Amino acid sequence: MHNFKELHVWKKGIDIAQNIYELTSRFPSEEKFGIVSQMRRSSVSVPSNVAEGAGRKTDKDFSNFLSISLGSQFELETQLIISNRVGFISDEQLAKESLELIELQKMTRSLVDKFSRV
């Protein structure tokens, strides 16, 4: 078992989720049950799966949950691109959030590789 609160991927995931909540609070109200809900769920899933995996007994199990978190990161990146294309976020906002996600994706991939070899 790992202490998820000490993991950089969990901390960064929490920061990204907070950023997404703040960003989507400015979306049109008619999107509350649309892309806002999807983005918030994806962003919350990122650190949640890290935490859930950290509580598992084996490193292989942890690696599987990290992979799920990685999938949520790519899902969120796609939703950011869509939000930009339909005019909900600027190119600058997309670039900022994408950079954060890409950094997290690299960190998560490294952990997946580390724990899947065990």
N, C-alpha and C. Protein backbone atom coordinates (compact mmCIF):
# COMPACT_ATOMS: atom_id res chain seq x y z
N MET A 1 0.84 -1.19 0.00
CA MET A 1 0.00 0.00 0.00
C MET A 1 0.89 1.25 0.00
N HIS A 2 0.39 2.28 -0.64
CA HIS A 2 1.11 3.54 -0.77
C HIS A 2 0.28 4.65 -0.12
N ASN A 3 0.96 5.65 0.43
CA ASN A 3 0.26 6.80 0.98
C ASN A 3 -0.04 7.76 -0.17
N PHE A 4 -1.27 7.73 -0.66
CA PHE A 4 -1.62 8.50 -1.85
C PHE A 4 -1.42 10.00 -1.65
N LYS A 5 -1.58 10.49 -0.44
CA LYS A 5 -1.45 11.93 -0.20
C LYS A 5 -0.03 12.44 -0.39
N GLU A 6 0.93 11.53 -0.42
CA GLU A 6 2.33 11.92 -0.64
C GLU A 6 2.74 11.82 -2.11
N LEU A 7 1.88 11.25 -2.94
CA LEU A 7 2.22 11.04 -4.36
C LEU A 7 2.02 12.33 -5.16
N HIS A 8 3.03 12.69 -5.93
CA HIS A 8 2.95 13.90 -6.75
C HIS A 8 1.81 13.81 -7.77
N VAL A 9 1.56 12.61 -8.29
CA VAL A 9 0.47 12.48 -9.28
C VAL A 9 -0.88 12.75 -8.64
N TRP A 10 -1.04 12.36 -7.39
CA TRP A 10 -2.30 12.63 -6.70
C TRP A 10 -2.45 14.13 -6.45
N LYS A 11 -1.38 14.76 -5.95
CA LYS A 11 -1.41 16.20 -5.66
C LYS A 11 -1.70 17.01 -6.93
N LYS A 12 -1.03 16.66 -8.02
CA LYS A 12 -1.24 17.36 -9.28
C LYS A 12 -2.66 17.11 -9.79
N GLY A 13 -3.15 15.90 -9.61
CA GLY A 13 -4.53 15.58 -9.99
C GLY A 13 -5.55 16.42 -9.23
N ILE A 14 -5.30 16.62 -7.95
CA ILE A 14 -6.18 17.47 -7.13
C ILE A 14 -6.16 18.89 -7.66
N ASP A 15 -4.97 19.39 -7.97
CA ASP A 15 -4.84 20.76 -8.51
C ASP A 15 -5.60 20.90 -9.83
N ILE A 16 -5.47 19.91 -10.69
CA ILE A 16 -6.16 19.96 -11.98
C ILE A 16 -7.67 19.93 -11.78
N ALA A 17 -8.15 19.08 -10.88
CA ALA A 17 -9.59 19.03 -10.61
C ALA A 17 -10.10 20.38 -10.12
N GLN A 18 -9.35 21.01 -9.23
CA GLN A 18 -9.74 22.33 -8.75
C GLN A 18 -9.78 23.33 -9.90
N ASN A 19 -8.76 23.30 -10.76
CA ASN A 19 -8.73 24.20 -11.92
C ASN A 19 -9.94 23.98 -12.82
N ILE A 20 -10.31 22.73 -13.02
CA ILE A 20 -11.45 22.42 -13.90
C ILE A 20 -12.75 22.93 -13.28
N TYR A 21 -12.92 22.78 -11.98
CA TYR A 21 -14.12 23.30 -11.33
C TYR A 21 -14.20 24.82 -11.51
N GLU A 22 -13.07 25.49 -11.33
CA GLU A 22 -13.05 26.95 -11.49
C GLU A 22 -13.31 27.34 -12.94
N LEU A 23 -12.69 26.64 -13.87
CA LEU A 23 -12.85 26.93 -15.29
C LEU A 23 -14.29 26.71 -15.75
N THR A 24 -14.88 25.59 -15.36
CA THR A 24 -16.24 25.27 -15.83
C THR A 24 -17.31 26.09 -15.13
N SER A 25 -16.97 26.75 -14.03
CA SER A 25 -17.97 27.60 -13.37
C SER A 25 -18.35 28.79 -14.26
N ARG A 26 -17.53 29.06 -15.27
CA ARG A 26 -17.80 30.17 -16.19
C ARG A 26 -18.47 29.70 -17.49
N PHE A 27 -18.75 28.41 -17.61
CA PHE A 27 -19.40 27.89 -18.81
C PHE A 27 -20.88 28.29 -18.79
N PRO A 28 -21.53 28.26 -19.95
CA PRO A 28 -22.96 28.58 -19.99
C PRO A 28 -23.77 27.64 -19.07
N SER A 29 -24.78 28.19 -18.43
CA SER A 29 -25.56 27.40 -17.46
C SER A 29 -26.26 26.21 -18.13
N GLU A 30 -26.57 26.32 -19.41
CA GLU A 30 -27.23 25.20 -20.09
C GLU A 30 -26.29 24.00 -20.26
N GLU A 31 -24.99 24.19 -19.99
CA GLU A 31 -24.02 23.10 -20.09
C GLU A 31 -23.80 22.39 -18.75
N LYS A 32 -24.56 22.78 -17.73
CA LYS A 32 -24.40 22.20 -16.40
C LYS A 32 -24.48 20.67 -16.43
N PHE A 33 -25.39 20.13 -17.20
CA PHE A 33 -25.56 18.68 -17.27
C PHE A 33 -24.90 18.09 -18.51
N GLY A 34 -24.19 18.91 -19.24
CA GLY A 34 -23.48 18.47 -20.44
C GLY A 34 -22.00 18.37 -20.17
N ILE A 35 -21.25 19.18 -20.89
CA ILE A 35 -19.80 19.08 -20.82
C ILE A 35 -19.24 19.47 -19.45
N VAL A 36 -19.91 20.35 -18.73
CA VAL A 36 -19.45 20.72 -17.39
C VAL A 36 -19.43 19.48 -16.50
N SER A 37 -20.51 18.74 -16.51
CA SER A 37 -20.60 17.52 -15.71
C SER A 37 -19.55 16.50 -16.13
N GLN A 38 -19.36 16.33 -17.43
CA GLN A 38 -18.38 15.38 -17.93
C GLN A 38 -16.97 15.77 -17.50
N MET A 39 -16.62 17.03 -17.66
CA MET A 39 -15.28 17.50 -17.32
C MET A 39 -15.01 17.38 -15.82
N ARG A 40 -16.00 17.70 -15.03
CA ARG A 40 -15.81 17.62 -13.59
C ARG A 40 -15.64 16.16 -13.15
N ARG A 41 -16.44 15.27 -13.72
CA ARG A 41 -16.31 13.85 -13.37
C ARG A 41 -14.96 13.30 -13.81
N SER A 42 -14.52 13.66 -15.01
CA SER A 42 -13.22 13.20 -15.49
C SER A 42 -12.09 13.70 -14.60
N SER A 43 -12.17 15.00 -14.23
CA SER A 43 -11.10 15.57 -13.42
C SER A 43 -11.07 14.96 -12.02
N VAL A 44 -12.21 14.68 -11.46
CA VAL A 44 -12.27 14.06 -10.13
C VAL A 44 -11.79 12.61 -10.19
N SER A 45 -12.04 11.96 -11.30
CA SER A 45 -11.62 10.58 -11.48
C SER A 45 -10.10 10.42 -11.48
N VAL A 46 -9.40 11.45 -11.92
CA VAL A 46 -7.93 11.37 -12.03
C VAL A 46 -7.31 11.09 -10.65
N PRO A 47 -7.44 11.96 -9.66
CA PRO A 47 -6.82 11.66 -8.36
C PRO A 47 -7.56 10.56 -7.60
N SER A 48 -8.84 10.40 -7.86
CA SER A 48 -9.60 9.36 -7.15
C SER A 48 -9.08 7.97 -7.47
N ASN A 49 -8.76 7.73 -8.73
CA ASN A 49 -8.23 6.42 -9.10
C ASN A 49 -6.81 6.21 -8.58
N VAL A 50 -6.03 7.27 -8.50
CA VAL A 50 -4.71 7.17 -7.88
C VAL A 50 -4.87 6.74 -6.42
N ALA A 51 -5.78 7.40 -5.72
CA ALA A 51 -6.01 7.09 -4.30
C ALA A 51 -6.53 5.66 -4.14
N GLU A 52 -7.48 5.27 -4.96
CA GLU A 52 -8.03 3.92 -4.85
C GLU A 52 -6.97 2.87 -5.12
N GLY A 53 -6.17 3.10 -6.15
CA GLY A 53 -5.11 2.15 -6.47
C GLY A 53 -4.05 2.06 -5.39
N ALA A 54 -3.75 3.19 -4.76
CA ALA A 54 -2.74 3.21 -3.70
C ALA A 54 -3.17 2.35 -2.51
N GLY A 55 -4.46 2.19 -2.35
CA GLY A 55 -4.97 1.39 -1.24
C GLY A 55 -5.05 -0.09 -1.54
N ARG A 56 -4.73 -0.49 -2.74
CA ARG A 56 -4.76 -1.91 -3.10
C ARG A 56 -3.54 -2.64 -2.58
N LYS A 57 -3.63 -3.96 -2.55
CA LYS A 57 -2.57 -4.76 -1.93
C LYS A 57 -1.33 -4.92 -2.79
N THR A 58 -1.50 -4.95 -4.10
CA THR A 58 -0.34 -5.24 -4.94
C THR A 58 0.00 -4.05 -5.83
N ASP A 59 1.26 -4.01 -6.23
CA ASP A 59 1.70 -2.96 -7.15
C ASP A 59 1.03 -3.12 -8.52
N LYS A 60 0.73 -4.34 -8.90
CA LYS A 60 0.04 -4.57 -10.18
C LYS A 60 -1.36 -3.95 -10.13
N ASP A 61 -2.05 -4.12 -9.03
CA ASP A 61 -3.36 -3.48 -8.87
C ASP A 61 -3.23 -1.96 -8.93
N PHE A 62 -2.22 -1.45 -8.25
CA PHE A 62 -1.97 -0.01 -8.27
C PHE A 62 -1.74 0.48 -9.69
N SER A 63 -0.95 -0.26 -10.44
CA SER A 63 -0.68 0.09 -11.84
C SER A 63 -1.96 0.13 -12.67
N ASN A 64 -2.87 -0.81 -12.42
CA ASN A 64 -4.14 -0.83 -13.16
C ASN A 64 -4.96 0.43 -12.87
N PHE A 65 -5.00 0.86 -11.62
CA PHE A 65 -5.76 2.07 -11.29
C PHE A 65 -5.07 3.32 -11.82
N LEU A 66 -3.74 3.30 -11.86
CA LEU A 66 -3.03 4.42 -12.48
C LEU A 66 -3.37 4.49 -13.97
N SER A 67 -3.52 3.35 -14.60
CA SER A 67 -3.91 3.33 -16.02
C SER A 67 -5.31 3.90 -16.22
N ILE A 68 -6.20 3.61 -15.31
CA ILE A 68 -7.56 4.17 -15.37
C ILE A 68 -7.48 5.69 -15.21
N SER A 69 -6.66 6.14 -14.27
CA SER A 69 -6.46 7.58 -14.08
C SER A 69 -5.93 8.21 -15.36
N LEU A 70 -4.99 7.54 -16.00
CA LEU A 70 -4.42 8.04 -17.26
C LEU A 70 -5.51 8.17 -18.33
N GLY A 71 -6.39 7.19 -18.39
CA GLY A 71 -7.51 7.27 -19.34
C GLY A 71 -8.39 8.48 -19.07
N SER A 72 -8.64 8.76 -17.81
CA SER A 72 -9.44 9.94 -17.45
C SER A 72 -8.72 11.23 -17.83
N GLN A 73 -7.40 11.21 -17.76
CA GLN A 73 -6.63 12.39 -18.15
C GLN A 73 -6.79 12.66 -19.65
N PHE A 74 -6.73 11.61 -20.45
CA PHE A 74 -6.92 11.78 -21.89
C PHE A 74 -8.36 12.19 -22.22
N GLU A 75 -9.30 11.64 -21.47
CA GLU A 75 -10.70 12.03 -21.64
C GLU A 75 -10.87 13.52 -21.35
N LEU A 76 -10.27 13.99 -20.27
CA LEU A 76 -10.36 15.40 -19.90
C LEU A 76 -9.68 16.28 -20.94
N GLU A 77 -8.55 15.85 -21.45
CA GLU A 77 -7.86 16.63 -22.49
C GLU A 77 -8.75 16.77 -23.72
N THR A 78 -9.44 15.72 -24.09
CA THR A 78 -10.37 15.77 -25.22
C THR A 78 -11.51 16.74 -24.95
N GLN A 79 -12.03 16.73 -23.75
CA GLN A 79 -13.13 17.63 -23.39
C GLN A 79 -12.67 19.09 -23.39
N LEU A 80 -11.43 19.33 -23.01
CA LEU A 80 -10.87 20.69 -23.09
C LEU A 80 -10.78 21.16 -24.54
N ILE A 81 -10.35 20.27 -25.41
CA ILE A 81 -10.26 20.62 -26.84
C ILE A 81 -11.64 20.94 -27.39
N ILE A 82 -12.62 20.15 -27.05
CA ILE A 82 -14.00 20.41 -27.50
C ILE A 82 -14.48 21.74 -26.94
N SER A 83 -14.21 22.00 -25.67
CA SER A 83 -14.62 23.26 -25.05
C SER A 83 -14.01 24.45 -25.76
N ASN A 84 -12.79 24.30 -26.19
CA ASN A 84 -12.12 25.36 -26.94
C ASN A 84 -12.78 25.54 -28.31
N ARG A 85 -13.03 24.45 -28.98
CA ARG A 85 -13.60 24.53 -30.34
C ARG A 85 -14.99 25.16 -30.37
N VAL A 86 -15.76 24.95 -29.30
CA VAL A 86 -17.11 25.53 -29.28
C VAL A 86 -17.12 26.90 -28.60
N GLY A 87 -15.95 27.39 -28.22
CA GLY A 87 -15.83 28.75 -27.71
C GLY A 87 -16.03 28.94 -26.23
N PHE A 88 -16.00 27.85 -25.44
CA PHE A 88 -16.17 27.99 -23.99
C PHE A 88 -14.89 28.39 -23.29
N ILE A 89 -13.73 28.02 -23.87
CA ILE A 89 -12.45 28.42 -23.30
C ILE A 89 -11.56 28.97 -24.42
N SER A 90 -10.66 29.83 -24.03
CA SER A 90 -9.75 30.47 -24.99
C SER A 90 -8.61 29.53 -25.36
N ASP A 91 -7.89 29.90 -26.40
CA ASP A 91 -6.69 29.15 -26.78
C ASP A 91 -5.68 29.14 -25.64
N GLU A 92 -5.58 30.25 -24.94
CA GLU A 92 -4.63 30.35 -23.83
C GLU A 92 -5.03 29.41 -22.69
N GLN A 93 -6.32 29.36 -22.38
CA GLN A 93 -6.79 28.46 -21.32
C GLN A 93 -6.55 27.01 -21.72
N LEU A 94 -6.82 26.69 -22.97
CA LEU A 94 -6.58 25.33 -23.46
C LEU A 94 -5.11 24.98 -23.33
N ALA A 95 -4.23 25.89 -23.76
CA ALA A 95 -2.80 25.63 -23.70
C ALA A 95 -2.33 25.42 -22.26
N LYS A 96 -2.80 26.26 -21.35
CA LYS A 96 -2.40 26.15 -19.94
C LYS A 96 -2.83 24.82 -19.34
N GLU A 97 -4.10 24.47 -19.51
CA GLU A 97 -4.60 23.23 -18.93
C GLU A 97 -3.99 22.00 -19.62
N SER A 98 -3.78 22.10 -20.91
CA SER A 98 -3.17 20.98 -21.64
C SER A 98 -1.75 20.71 -21.16
N LEU A 99 -1.00 21.77 -20.93
CA LEU A 99 0.37 21.60 -20.42
C LEU A 99 0.38 20.89 -19.07
N GLU A 100 -0.54 21.28 -18.21
CA GLU A 100 -0.64 20.63 -16.90
C GLU A 100 -0.99 19.15 -17.06
N LEU A 101 -1.92 18.86 -17.95
CA LEU A 101 -2.32 17.48 -18.17
C LEU A 101 -1.21 16.65 -18.79
N ILE A 102 -0.50 17.21 -19.74
CA ILE A 102 0.59 16.48 -20.39
C ILE A 102 1.68 16.14 -19.37
N GLU A 103 1.98 17.07 -18.49
CA GLU A 103 2.96 16.80 -17.43
C GLU A 103 2.47 15.66 -16.53
N LEU A 104 1.20 15.71 -16.16
CA LEU A 104 0.64 14.65 -15.32
C LEU A 104 0.62 13.32 -16.05
N GLN A 105 0.30 13.33 -17.33
CA GLN A 105 0.30 12.09 -18.11
C GLN A 105 1.68 11.44 -18.12
N LYS A 106 2.72 12.23 -18.28
CA LYS A 106 4.09 11.71 -18.26
C LYS A 106 4.42 11.10 -16.90
N MET A 107 4.05 11.81 -15.84
CA MET A 107 4.31 11.31 -14.49
C MET A 107 3.56 10.00 -14.25
N THR A 108 2.31 9.95 -14.68
CA THR A 108 1.49 8.77 -14.47
C THR A 108 2.03 7.59 -15.27
N ARG A 109 2.39 7.83 -16.52
CA ARG A 109 2.97 6.76 -17.35
C ARG A 109 4.21 6.17 -16.70
N SER A 110 5.06 7.02 -16.14
CA SER A 110 6.27 6.54 -15.48
C SER A 110 5.92 5.62 -14.31
N LEU A 111 4.93 6.00 -13.53
CA LEU A 111 4.51 5.16 -12.42
C LEU A 111 3.89 3.85 -12.91
N VAL A 112 3.09 3.93 -13.95
CA VAL A 112 2.50 2.71 -14.51
C VAL A 112 3.61 1.76 -14.91
N ASP A 113 4.59 2.28 -15.62
CA ASP A 113 5.72 1.43 -16.05
C ASP A 113 6.45 0.84 -14.85
N LYS A 114 6.68 1.65 -13.84
CA LYS A 114 7.41 1.20 -12.65
C LYS A 114 6.66 0.07 -11.95
N PHE A 115 5.37 0.26 -11.74
CA PHE A 115 4.62 -0.72 -10.95
C PHE A 115 4.09 -1.89 -11.77
N SER A 116 4.06 -1.78 -13.06
CA SER A 116 3.60 -2.92 -13.86
C SER A 116 4.73 -3.94 -14.06
N ARG A 117 5.97 -3.54 -13.84
CA ARG A 117 7.12 -4.45 -13.98
C ARG A 117 7.29 -5.32 -12.76
N VAL A 118 6.68 -4.95 -11.66
CA VAL A 118 6.87 -5.68 -10.41
C VAL A 118 6.17 -7.01 -10.45
